[in-house]
Structure formats: C-alpha cells, structure tokens
Amino acid sequence: MNWTDERVEKLKKLWSEGLSASQIAAQLGGVSRNAVIGKVHRLSLPGRAKAGGTATAARAPKRTTSAPRAPNYASRIATRTVARQQGATMLKEEIEIETAEEMEYVPAKNVVVPISRRLGLTELTERTCKWPVGDPLKDDFYFCGCDSSDSSPYCSYHQRLAYQPVSERRKAVRVA
C-alpha cells in the first residue's frame, strides 16, 4: 500500500480530529496501526494530550506523612534540590536521597585459594579447571587450569563458588 496524497490528507484530517491510530487505520483500510503511527511521526504531526484529563489533574497528591523508620534511618538520608519541568514551568523541589551505608570488608579466614596454572583455551583438557579469570578481551585472560574431577568442569575451589546449595542462596537473598 502506497501513501497517496489524498490518503495523507485524510490521515492529517483524522489525526487532527483526535482519532486514535487504530481508528485511522480502520478508516483508511489496507494499513496497520503501526503504519499510521510511523507516517504521523515522519510527517511530524503534533502530538495530542493523553486521554484521561490533564497531567496535573491525573497526578496523585503527595503524601505528607512518612512511614515509621528505624532510629538510624535519618542519618542515611540526604536532601538535594533538583529542578524538574512540569509543562512549560520549571519547578524546584527538595527530594530525599538515601545514601549508601559504607560496609567494612571482612575477608574469610578459612579460604584457601589454589594457585592457578594460567592455561589458555587451547591448553585445556577434560581434567583441567575451566574457570575463566580476567577479561576475555584482554591479553592477560586465562583459565584456572587446576585438576578437576571427572564429573565437573571446575576444581574443588571453583566448584564451591559455582554451585551453591539452594538454602545458602536463599539466606544470601534474605540478608541483602
């Protein structure tokens, strides 16, 4: 289907009357809703207001009361003034930003990291650990290469990292 001049004029007329793209497609015939939307976009026809009233009337009023917070919550909140646009008017409002709490890193004491053999892809065998180390796009990328069991592609250390019991994963999700 080609867009003839008379079909384009009818499209412009129906669009200005406020019909939806689906309704216009049905009246024109032989054209889909998406084709109508694409043609409207290419013709740079003005957009229309969303159905359901004005943007200010549709907005819910802001809540003035806040939910009860933990006693230490106030120390993690910072306020910041931001400018935003509503229609043709720029508004300034203060918003609350929750700052990240700094966590202290505590390394595990019972972890023994094996010394990897730093094998390339072509050096891997069925009995070597295939745990990737580093960025594959960099020259210093390698695989662990330690001995692995017959049933796993990884050494015992990397097996513990790759295969976590379901109960431990659920605990980790609850803590986070």
N, C-alpha and C. Protein backbone atom coordinates (compact mmCIF):
# COMPACT_ATOMS: atom_id res chain seq x y z
N MET A 1 0.84 -1.17 0.00
CA MET A 1 0.00 0.00 0.00
C MET A 1 0.89 1.24 0.00
N ASN A 2 0.65 2.14 -0.94
CA ASN A 2 1.40 3.39 -1.01
C ASN A 2 0.60 4.51 -0.37
N TRP A 3 1.32 5.46 0.18
CA TRP A 3 0.68 6.64 0.76
C TRP A 3 0.47 7.66 -0.35
N THR A 4 -0.73 7.73 -0.88
CA THR A 4 -1.04 8.72 -1.89
C THR A 4 -1.32 10.05 -1.19
N ASP A 5 -1.33 11.13 -1.99
CA ASP A 5 -1.56 12.46 -1.42
C ASP A 5 -2.93 12.54 -0.75
N GLU A 6 -3.94 11.93 -1.35
CA GLU A 6 -5.27 12.01 -0.75
C GLU A 6 -5.35 11.21 0.55
N ARG A 7 -4.64 10.05 0.62
CA ARG A 7 -4.62 9.27 1.87
C ARG A 7 -3.87 10.02 2.96
N VAL A 8 -2.80 10.73 2.58
CA VAL A 8 -2.05 11.51 3.57
C VAL A 8 -2.91 12.65 4.10
N GLU A 9 -3.65 13.30 3.22
CA GLU A 9 -4.54 14.39 3.65
C GLU A 9 -5.63 13.87 4.58
N LYS A 10 -6.19 12.70 4.25
CA LYS A 10 -7.21 12.11 5.11
C LYS A 10 -6.61 11.75 6.47
N LEU A 11 -5.38 11.23 6.46
CA LEU A 11 -4.68 10.91 7.70
C LEU A 11 -4.51 12.16 8.55
N LYS A 12 -4.05 13.26 7.94
CA LYS A 12 -3.86 14.52 8.68
C LYS A 12 -5.19 15.00 9.27
N LYS A 13 -6.26 14.90 8.48
CA LYS A 13 -7.57 15.36 8.95
C LYS A 13 -8.05 14.52 10.13
N LEU A 14 -7.97 13.20 10.01
CA LEU A 14 -8.42 12.32 11.08
C LEU A 14 -7.55 12.48 12.34
N TRP A 15 -6.26 12.68 12.12
CA TRP A 15 -5.34 12.88 13.26
C TRP A 15 -5.69 14.17 14.01
N SER A 16 -5.97 15.22 13.25
CA SER A 16 -6.31 16.50 13.90
C SER A 16 -7.66 16.42 14.61
N GLU A 17 -8.55 15.51 14.17
CA GLU A 17 -9.84 15.33 14.84
C GLU A 17 -9.70 14.55 16.14
N GLY A 18 -8.53 13.96 16.36
CA GLY A 18 -8.28 13.26 17.63
C GLY A 18 -8.53 11.77 17.59
N LEU A 19 -8.68 11.19 16.41
CA LEU A 19 -8.89 9.75 16.33
C LEU A 19 -7.60 9.02 16.69
N SER A 20 -7.74 7.81 17.20
CA SER A 20 -6.56 7.02 17.53
C SER A 20 -5.97 6.43 16.26
N ALA A 21 -4.74 5.94 16.38
CA ALA A 21 -4.08 5.34 15.22
C ALA A 21 -4.84 4.12 14.73
N SER A 22 -5.41 3.35 15.65
CA SER A 22 -6.20 2.17 15.25
C SER A 22 -7.44 2.57 14.48
N GLN A 23 -8.12 3.62 14.95
CA GLN A 23 -9.32 4.09 14.27
C GLN A 23 -8.99 4.63 12.89
N ILE A 24 -7.89 5.35 12.78
CA ILE A 24 -7.48 5.90 11.49
C ILE A 24 -7.15 4.76 10.53
N ALA A 25 -6.44 3.73 11.02
CA ALA A 25 -6.08 2.59 10.18
C ALA A 25 -7.33 1.90 9.67
N ALA A 26 -8.34 1.77 10.52
CA ALA A 26 -9.58 1.12 10.10
C ALA A 26 -10.30 1.94 9.03
N GLN A 27 -10.30 3.27 9.18
CA GLN A 27 -10.99 4.12 8.20
C GLN A 27 -10.24 4.17 6.88
N LEU A 28 -8.91 4.18 6.93
CA LEU A 28 -8.13 4.22 5.69
C LEU A 28 -8.19 2.87 4.98
N GLY A 29 -8.16 1.77 5.72
CA GLY A 29 -8.20 0.43 5.15
C GLY A 29 -6.87 0.07 4.50
N GLY A 30 -6.48 -1.18 4.64
CA GLY A 30 -5.26 -1.67 4.00
C GLY A 30 -3.98 -1.16 4.65
N VAL A 31 -4.07 -0.66 5.86
CA VAL A 31 -2.90 -0.13 6.54
C VAL A 31 -3.01 -0.49 8.02
N SER A 32 -1.89 -0.76 8.66
CA SER A 32 -1.90 -1.15 10.07
C SER A 32 -1.79 0.07 10.98
N ARG A 33 -2.08 -0.16 12.24
CA ARG A 33 -1.95 0.89 13.25
C ARG A 33 -0.52 1.41 13.29
N ASN A 34 0.46 0.49 13.24
CA ASN A 34 1.87 0.90 13.30
C ASN A 34 2.27 1.71 12.07
N ALA A 35 1.68 1.40 10.91
CA ALA A 35 1.97 2.18 9.70
C ALA A 35 1.46 3.61 9.87
N VAL A 36 0.29 3.75 10.49
CA VAL A 36 -0.27 5.08 10.74
C VAL A 36 0.64 5.85 11.70
N ILE A 37 1.08 5.19 12.78
CA ILE A 37 1.96 5.85 13.76
C ILE A 37 3.27 6.27 13.09
N GLY A 38 3.82 5.39 12.26
CA GLY A 38 5.06 5.73 11.55
C GLY A 38 4.89 6.92 10.62
N LYS A 39 3.78 6.96 9.89
CA LYS A 39 3.54 8.06 8.96
C LYS A 39 3.33 9.37 9.72
N VAL A 40 2.60 9.31 10.83
CA VAL A 40 2.40 10.51 11.66
C VAL A 40 3.74 11.03 12.14
N HIS A 41 4.61 10.12 12.55
CA HIS A 41 5.94 10.52 13.03
C HIS A 41 6.76 11.15 11.89
N ARG A 42 6.74 10.53 10.70
CA ARG A 42 7.51 11.07 9.58
C ARG A 42 6.97 12.41 9.10
N LEU A 43 5.66 12.61 9.24
CA LEU A 43 5.06 13.90 8.85
C LEU A 43 5.24 14.95 9.94
N SER A 44 5.75 14.54 11.08
CA SER A 44 5.96 15.44 12.24
C SER A 44 4.66 16.12 12.64
N LEU A 45 3.57 15.36 12.65
CA LEU A 45 2.30 15.93 13.09
C LEU A 45 2.36 16.15 14.59
N PRO A 46 1.67 17.18 15.09
CA PRO A 46 1.75 17.47 16.52
C PRO A 46 1.12 16.36 17.34
N GLY A 47 1.71 16.11 18.51
CA GLY A 47 1.17 15.10 19.41
C GLY A 47 -0.12 15.58 20.03
N ARG A 48 -0.80 14.68 20.67
CA ARG A 48 -2.05 15.02 21.31
C ARG A 48 -1.95 14.75 22.79
N ALA A 49 -2.83 15.37 23.56
CA ALA A 49 -2.86 15.15 25.00
C ALA A 49 -3.31 13.73 25.27
N LYS A 50 -2.81 13.16 26.32
CA LYS A 50 -3.20 11.81 26.71
C LYS A 50 -4.65 11.80 27.17
N ALA A 51 -5.32 10.71 26.95
CA ALA A 51 -6.71 10.58 27.39
C ALA A 51 -6.75 10.55 28.90
N GLY A 52 -7.82 11.06 29.48
CA GLY A 52 -7.97 10.99 30.93
C GLY A 52 -7.73 12.30 31.62
N GLY A 53 -7.68 13.41 30.94
CA GLY A 53 -7.55 14.71 31.59
C GLY A 53 -6.14 15.25 31.49
N THR A 54 -5.90 16.34 32.21
CA THR A 54 -4.59 16.98 32.15
C THR A 54 -3.61 16.25 33.04
N ALA A 55 -2.33 16.55 32.84
CA ALA A 55 -1.28 15.88 33.60
C ALA A 55 -1.34 16.27 35.07
N THR A 56 -1.71 17.51 35.37
CA THR A 56 -1.74 17.93 36.77
C THR A 56 -2.94 17.33 37.49
N ALA A 57 -4.07 17.14 36.79
CA ALA A 57 -5.24 16.57 37.42
C ALA A 57 -5.06 15.07 37.67
N ALA A 58 -4.29 14.41 36.82
CA ALA A 58 -4.11 12.97 36.94
C ALA A 58 -3.16 12.60 38.06
N ARG A 59 -2.30 13.51 38.46
CA ARG A 59 -1.32 13.19 39.49
C ARG A 59 -1.97 13.06 40.85
N ALA A 60 -1.50 12.10 41.59
CA ALA A 60 -1.99 11.91 42.95
C ALA A 60 -1.33 12.94 43.86
N PRO A 61 -2.03 13.42 44.86
CA PRO A 61 -1.40 14.38 45.76
C PRO A 61 -0.26 13.71 46.52
N LYS A 62 0.76 14.53 46.85
CA LYS A 62 1.92 13.99 47.55
C LYS A 62 1.56 13.63 48.97
N ARG A 63 2.15 12.56 49.44
CA ARG A 63 1.95 12.16 50.83
C ARG A 63 2.79 13.05 51.73
N THR A 64 2.16 13.58 52.74
CA THR A 64 2.91 14.43 53.67
C THR A 64 3.43 13.64 54.85
N THR A 65 2.79 12.51 55.16
CA THR A 65 3.27 11.70 56.28
C THR A 65 4.16 10.60 55.74
N SER A 66 5.16 10.26 56.51
CA SER A 66 6.05 9.21 56.07
C SER A 66 5.88 8.00 56.95
N ALA A 67 6.27 6.87 56.43
CA ALA A 67 6.16 5.63 57.17
C ALA A 67 7.16 5.64 58.32
N PRO A 68 6.89 4.93 59.41
CA PRO A 68 7.84 4.89 60.51
C PRO A 68 9.16 4.29 60.04
N ARG A 69 10.23 4.87 60.51
CA ARG A 69 11.57 4.45 60.09
C ARG A 69 12.35 3.94 61.28
N ALA A 70 13.40 3.22 60.98
CA ALA A 70 14.31 2.77 62.03
C ALA A 70 15.01 3.99 62.62
N PRO A 71 15.46 3.93 63.87
CA PRO A 71 16.08 5.09 64.50
C PRO A 71 17.30 5.61 63.75
N ASN A 72 18.08 4.72 63.12
CA ASN A 72 19.29 5.16 62.43
C ASN A 72 19.02 5.58 60.99
N TYR A 73 17.77 5.55 60.56
CA TYR A 73 17.44 5.86 59.18
C TYR A 73 17.75 7.32 58.84
N ALA A 74 17.52 8.22 59.77
CA ALA A 74 17.71 9.65 59.50
C ALA A 74 19.16 9.96 59.14
N SER A 75 20.10 9.22 59.68
CA SER A 75 21.50 9.50 59.39
C SER A 75 21.87 9.11 57.97
N ARG A 76 21.07 8.27 57.32
CA ARG A 76 21.39 7.85 55.96
C ARG A 76 20.68 8.68 54.91
N ILE A 77 19.85 9.64 55.31
CA ILE A 77 19.07 10.44 54.37
C ILE A 77 19.77 11.77 54.13
N ALA A 78 19.86 12.13 52.87
CA ALA A 78 20.37 13.44 52.49
C ALA A 78 19.33 14.09 51.60
N THR A 79 19.17 15.40 51.68
CA THR A 79 18.23 16.08 50.81
C THR A 79 19.00 16.81 49.73
N ARG A 80 18.40 16.90 48.57
CA ARG A 80 19.04 17.54 47.44
C ARG A 80 17.96 18.30 46.67
N THR A 81 18.28 19.51 46.26
CA THR A 81 17.33 20.31 45.48
C THR A 81 17.56 20.01 44.00
N VAL A 82 16.48 19.67 43.32
CA VAL A 82 16.56 19.38 41.90
C VAL A 82 15.53 20.21 41.17
N ALA A 83 15.81 20.49 39.91
CA ALA A 83 14.87 21.23 39.07
C ALA A 83 14.22 20.23 38.12
N ARG A 84 12.92 20.31 37.97
CA ARG A 84 12.23 19.47 37.02
C ARG A 84 11.19 20.30 36.30
N GLN A 85 10.79 19.82 35.14
CA GLN A 85 9.85 20.57 34.33
C GLN A 85 8.47 19.96 34.43
N GLN A 86 7.48 20.82 34.62
CA GLN A 86 6.08 20.40 34.56
C GLN A 86 5.40 21.33 33.57
N GLY A 87 5.14 20.79 32.42
CA GLY A 87 4.60 21.64 31.35
C GLY A 87 5.68 22.62 30.90
N ALA A 88 5.34 23.91 30.88
CA ALA A 88 6.31 24.93 30.48
C ALA A 88 6.97 25.58 31.68
N THR A 89 6.73 25.06 32.88
CA THR A 89 7.23 25.67 34.10
C THR A 89 8.31 24.80 34.72
N MET A 90 9.42 25.42 35.09
CA MET A 90 10.48 24.71 35.80
C MET A 90 10.19 24.83 37.28
N LEU A 91 10.20 23.71 37.97
CA LEU A 91 9.94 23.69 39.39
C LEU A 91 11.18 23.24 40.14
N LYS A 92 11.39 23.80 41.34
CA LYS A 92 12.46 23.34 42.20
C LYS A 92 11.82 22.61 43.36
N GLU A 93 12.34 21.45 43.68
CA GLU A 93 11.82 20.73 44.82
C GLU A 93 12.95 20.00 45.50
N GLU A 94 12.78 19.78 46.77
CA GLU A 94 13.78 19.04 47.53
C GLU A 94 13.34 17.59 47.60
N ILE A 95 14.27 16.70 47.27
CA ILE A 95 13.98 15.29 47.34
C ILE A 95 14.92 14.64 48.34
N GLU A 96 14.47 13.54 48.91
CA GLU A 96 15.31 12.81 49.85
C GLU A 96 16.05 11.72 49.10
N ILE A 97 17.34 11.61 49.38
CA ILE A 97 18.17 10.60 48.75
C ILE A 97 18.74 9.73 49.85
N GLU A 98 18.55 8.43 49.71
CA GLU A 98 19.11 7.52 50.70
C GLU A 98 20.56 7.24 50.32
N THR A 99 21.45 7.58 51.20
CA THR A 99 22.87 7.37 50.92
C THR A 99 23.25 5.94 51.26
N ALA A 100 24.24 5.44 50.57
CA ALA A 100 24.68 4.07 50.81
C ALA A 100 25.49 4.01 52.10
N GLU A 101 25.24 2.97 52.83
CA GLU A 101 25.97 2.78 54.06
C GLU A 101 27.29 2.09 53.74
N GLU A 102 28.38 2.61 54.27
CA GLU A 102 29.68 2.05 53.97
C GLU A 102 29.84 0.74 54.74
N MET A 103 30.20 -0.30 54.01
CA MET A 103 30.34 -1.62 54.61
C MET A 103 31.83 -1.90 54.80
N GLU A 104 32.15 -2.56 55.88
CA GLU A 104 33.54 -2.93 56.15
C GLU A 104 33.78 -4.32 55.59
N TYR A 105 34.84 -4.48 54.83
CA TYR A 105 35.18 -5.76 54.23
C TYR A 105 35.90 -6.63 55.26
N VAL A 106 35.36 -7.81 55.48
CA VAL A 106 35.98 -8.75 56.41
C VAL A 106 36.26 -10.02 55.61
N PRO A 107 37.53 -10.28 55.29
CA PRO A 107 37.83 -11.48 54.49
C PRO A 107 37.62 -12.75 55.32
N ALA A 108 37.21 -13.79 54.65
CA ALA A 108 37.03 -15.08 55.32
C ALA A 108 38.39 -15.65 55.67
N LYS A 109 38.48 -16.26 56.82
CA LYS A 109 39.78 -16.75 57.30
C LYS A 109 40.06 -18.18 56.87
N ASN A 110 39.04 -18.93 56.49
CA ASN A 110 39.24 -20.33 56.18
C ASN A 110 39.24 -20.64 54.68
N VAL A 111 39.51 -19.67 53.85
CA VAL A 111 39.50 -19.87 52.40
C VAL A 111 40.93 -20.02 51.91
N VAL A 112 41.16 -21.08 51.17
CA VAL A 112 42.46 -21.32 50.57
C VAL A 112 42.28 -21.24 49.06
N VAL A 113 42.87 -20.24 48.44
CA VAL A 113 42.75 -20.04 47.00
C VAL A 113 43.88 -20.82 46.33
N PRO A 114 43.54 -21.72 45.42
CA PRO A 114 44.60 -22.51 44.78
C PRO A 114 45.41 -21.65 43.82
N ILE A 115 46.63 -22.06 43.61
CA ILE A 115 47.49 -21.37 42.64
C ILE A 115 47.11 -21.90 41.27
N SER A 116 46.62 -21.01 40.42
CA SER A 116 46.15 -21.45 39.11
C SER A 116 47.33 -21.66 38.18
N ARG A 117 47.10 -22.50 37.17
CA ARG A 117 48.16 -22.82 36.21
C ARG A 117 48.15 -21.88 35.02
N ARG A 118 47.19 -20.95 34.95
CA ARG A 118 47.11 -19.93 33.91
C ARG A 118 47.16 -20.53 32.50
N LEU A 119 46.17 -21.37 32.19
CA LEU A 119 46.12 -22.03 30.89
C LEU A 119 45.29 -21.23 29.89
N GLY A 120 45.70 -21.31 28.63
CA GLY A 120 44.92 -20.72 27.55
C GLY A 120 43.84 -21.69 27.11
N LEU A 121 42.95 -21.25 26.25
CA LEU A 121 41.83 -22.06 25.80
C LEU A 121 42.30 -23.35 25.13
N THR A 122 43.33 -23.28 24.33
CA THR A 122 43.79 -24.45 23.60
C THR A 122 44.54 -25.44 24.49
N GLU A 123 44.92 -25.03 25.68
CA GLU A 123 45.65 -25.91 26.59
C GLU A 123 44.74 -26.67 27.55
N LEU A 124 43.44 -26.37 27.57
CA LEU A 124 42.51 -27.03 28.48
C LEU A 124 42.28 -28.48 28.06
N THR A 125 42.10 -29.35 29.06
CA THR A 125 41.77 -30.75 28.80
C THR A 125 40.50 -31.08 29.58
N GLU A 126 40.07 -32.34 29.51
CA GLU A 126 38.88 -32.76 30.23
C GLU A 126 39.10 -32.74 31.74
N ARG A 127 40.34 -32.82 32.19
CA ARG A 127 40.61 -32.91 33.61
C ARG A 127 41.21 -31.63 34.17
N THR A 128 41.03 -30.48 33.47
CA THR A 128 41.52 -29.20 34.00
C THR A 128 40.35 -28.28 34.30
N CYS A 129 40.55 -27.39 35.26
CA CYS A 129 39.51 -26.44 35.67
C CYS A 129 39.33 -25.39 34.58
N LYS A 130 38.10 -25.17 34.20
CA LYS A 130 37.79 -24.23 33.12
C LYS A 130 37.23 -22.92 33.64
N TRP A 131 37.59 -22.54 34.86
CA TRP A 131 37.12 -21.29 35.46
C TRP A 131 37.84 -20.13 34.79
N PRO A 132 37.12 -19.20 34.15
CA PRO A 132 37.77 -18.07 33.49
C PRO A 132 38.23 -17.02 34.50
N VAL A 133 39.38 -16.44 34.23
CA VAL A 133 39.94 -15.41 35.11
C VAL A 133 40.29 -14.20 34.25
N GLY A 134 39.71 -13.05 34.58
CA GLY A 134 40.01 -11.81 33.86
C GLY A 134 39.02 -11.53 32.76
N ASP A 135 39.36 -10.53 31.95
CA ASP A 135 38.52 -10.07 30.85
C ASP A 135 38.90 -10.82 29.58
N PRO A 136 37.96 -11.52 28.94
CA PRO A 136 38.28 -12.28 27.73
C PRO A 136 38.81 -11.43 26.58
N LEU A 137 38.57 -10.13 26.63
CA LEU A 137 39.04 -9.26 25.55
C LEU A 137 40.45 -8.76 25.78
N LYS A 138 41.05 -9.07 26.92
CA LYS A 138 42.40 -8.61 27.25
C LYS A 138 43.40 -9.73 27.02
N ASP A 139 44.66 -9.36 26.88
CA ASP A 139 45.72 -10.34 26.64
C ASP A 139 46.02 -11.18 27.87
N ASP A 140 45.75 -10.67 29.08
CA ASP A 140 46.07 -11.41 30.29
C ASP A 140 44.95 -12.36 30.74
N PHE A 141 44.00 -12.68 29.88
CA PHE A 141 42.91 -13.60 30.20
C PHE A 141 43.44 -15.03 30.20
N TYR A 142 42.97 -15.83 31.18
CA TYR A 142 43.39 -17.22 31.26
C TYR A 142 42.33 -18.03 32.00
N PHE A 143 42.54 -19.35 32.04
CA PHE A 143 41.68 -20.25 32.79
C PHE A 143 42.47 -20.79 33.96
N CYS A 144 41.77 -21.19 35.04
CA CYS A 144 42.42 -21.68 36.25
C CYS A 144 43.39 -22.81 35.93
N GLY A 145 42.91 -23.90 35.34
CA GLY A 145 43.78 -24.99 34.91
C GLY A 145 44.13 -26.00 35.97
N CYS A 146 43.68 -25.84 37.21
CA CYS A 146 43.96 -26.84 38.25
C CYS A 146 43.24 -28.14 37.92
N ASP A 147 43.60 -29.22 38.60
CA ASP A 147 42.97 -30.51 38.36
C ASP A 147 41.50 -30.48 38.78
N SER A 148 40.64 -31.06 37.94
CA SER A 148 39.21 -31.14 38.27
C SER A 148 38.80 -32.60 38.26
N SER A 149 37.69 -32.89 38.93
CA SER A 149 37.19 -34.26 38.96
C SER A 149 36.53 -34.60 37.63
N ASP A 150 36.23 -35.88 37.45
CA ASP A 150 35.61 -36.32 36.19
C ASP A 150 34.23 -35.72 35.98
N SER A 151 33.53 -35.43 37.06
CA SER A 151 32.14 -35.01 36.95
C SER A 151 31.95 -33.50 36.88
N SER A 152 33.02 -32.72 36.96
CA SER A 152 32.86 -31.27 36.99
C SER A 152 33.89 -30.58 36.10
N PRO A 153 33.51 -29.45 35.52
CA PRO A 153 34.48 -28.68 34.73
C PRO A 153 35.38 -27.82 35.60
N TYR A 154 35.14 -27.79 36.93
CA TYR A 154 35.89 -26.91 37.82
C TYR A 154 36.66 -27.69 38.87
N CYS A 155 37.71 -27.06 39.41
CA CYS A 155 38.43 -27.62 40.54
C CYS A 155 37.56 -27.50 41.78
N SER A 156 37.98 -28.09 42.90
CA SER A 156 37.13 -28.10 44.09
C SER A 156 36.87 -26.69 44.61
N TYR A 157 37.84 -25.78 44.50
CA TYR A 157 37.64 -24.41 44.96
C TYR A 157 36.57 -23.71 44.13
N HIS A 158 36.68 -23.79 42.81
CA HIS A 158 35.73 -23.10 41.95
C HIS A 158 34.36 -23.80 41.92
N GLN A 159 34.32 -25.10 42.26
CA GLN A 159 33.03 -25.77 42.40
C GLN A 159 32.22 -25.12 43.51
N ARG A 160 32.88 -24.80 44.63
CA ARG A 160 32.17 -24.18 45.75
C ARG A 160 31.65 -22.79 45.36
N LEU A 161 32.34 -22.10 44.48
CA LEU A 161 31.86 -20.79 44.03
C LEU A 161 30.70 -20.93 43.05
N ALA A 162 30.80 -21.91 42.16
CA ALA A 162 29.80 -22.04 41.10
C ALA A 162 28.52 -22.71 41.56
N TYR A 163 28.64 -23.73 42.39
CA TYR A 163 27.48 -24.50 42.80
C TYR A 163 27.20 -24.26 44.28
N GLN A 164 26.26 -23.38 44.55
CA GLN A 164 25.88 -23.09 45.94
C GLN A 164 24.57 -23.78 46.24
N PRO A 165 24.46 -24.41 47.42
CA PRO A 165 23.18 -25.04 47.77
C PRO A 165 22.07 -24.00 47.81
N VAL A 166 20.86 -24.44 47.52
CA VAL A 166 19.71 -23.55 47.45
C VAL A 166 19.50 -22.82 48.77
N SER A 167 19.68 -23.51 49.89
CA SER A 167 19.46 -22.88 51.19
C SER A 167 20.41 -21.71 51.42
N GLU A 168 21.67 -21.83 50.98
CA GLU A 168 22.63 -20.73 51.15
C GLU A 168 22.24 -19.54 50.27
N ARG A 169 21.76 -19.81 49.05
CA ARG A 169 21.35 -18.71 48.17
C ARG A 169 20.15 -17.98 48.76
N ARG A 170 19.22 -18.72 49.36
CA ARG A 170 18.06 -18.08 49.97
C ARG A 170 18.47 -17.23 51.15
N LYS A 171 19.42 -17.70 51.95
CA LYS A 171 19.92 -16.92 53.08
C LYS A 171 20.56 -15.63 52.58
N ALA A 172 21.35 -15.71 51.50
CA ALA A 172 22.02 -14.54 50.95
C ALA A 172 21.00 -13.52 50.46
N VAL A 173 19.90 -13.98 49.86
CA VAL A 173 18.87 -13.06 49.37
C VAL A 173 18.18 -12.38 50.54
N ARG A 174 17.90 -13.12 51.62
CA ARG A 174 17.25 -12.54 52.79
C ARG A 174 18.12 -11.50 53.46
N VAL A 175 19.43 -11.73 53.50
CA VAL A 175 20.36 -10.80 54.14
C VAL A 175 20.45 -9.52 53.31
N ALA A 176 20.47 -9.64 51.99
CA ALA A 176 20.61 -8.47 51.12
C ALA A 176 19.37 -7.70 51.03
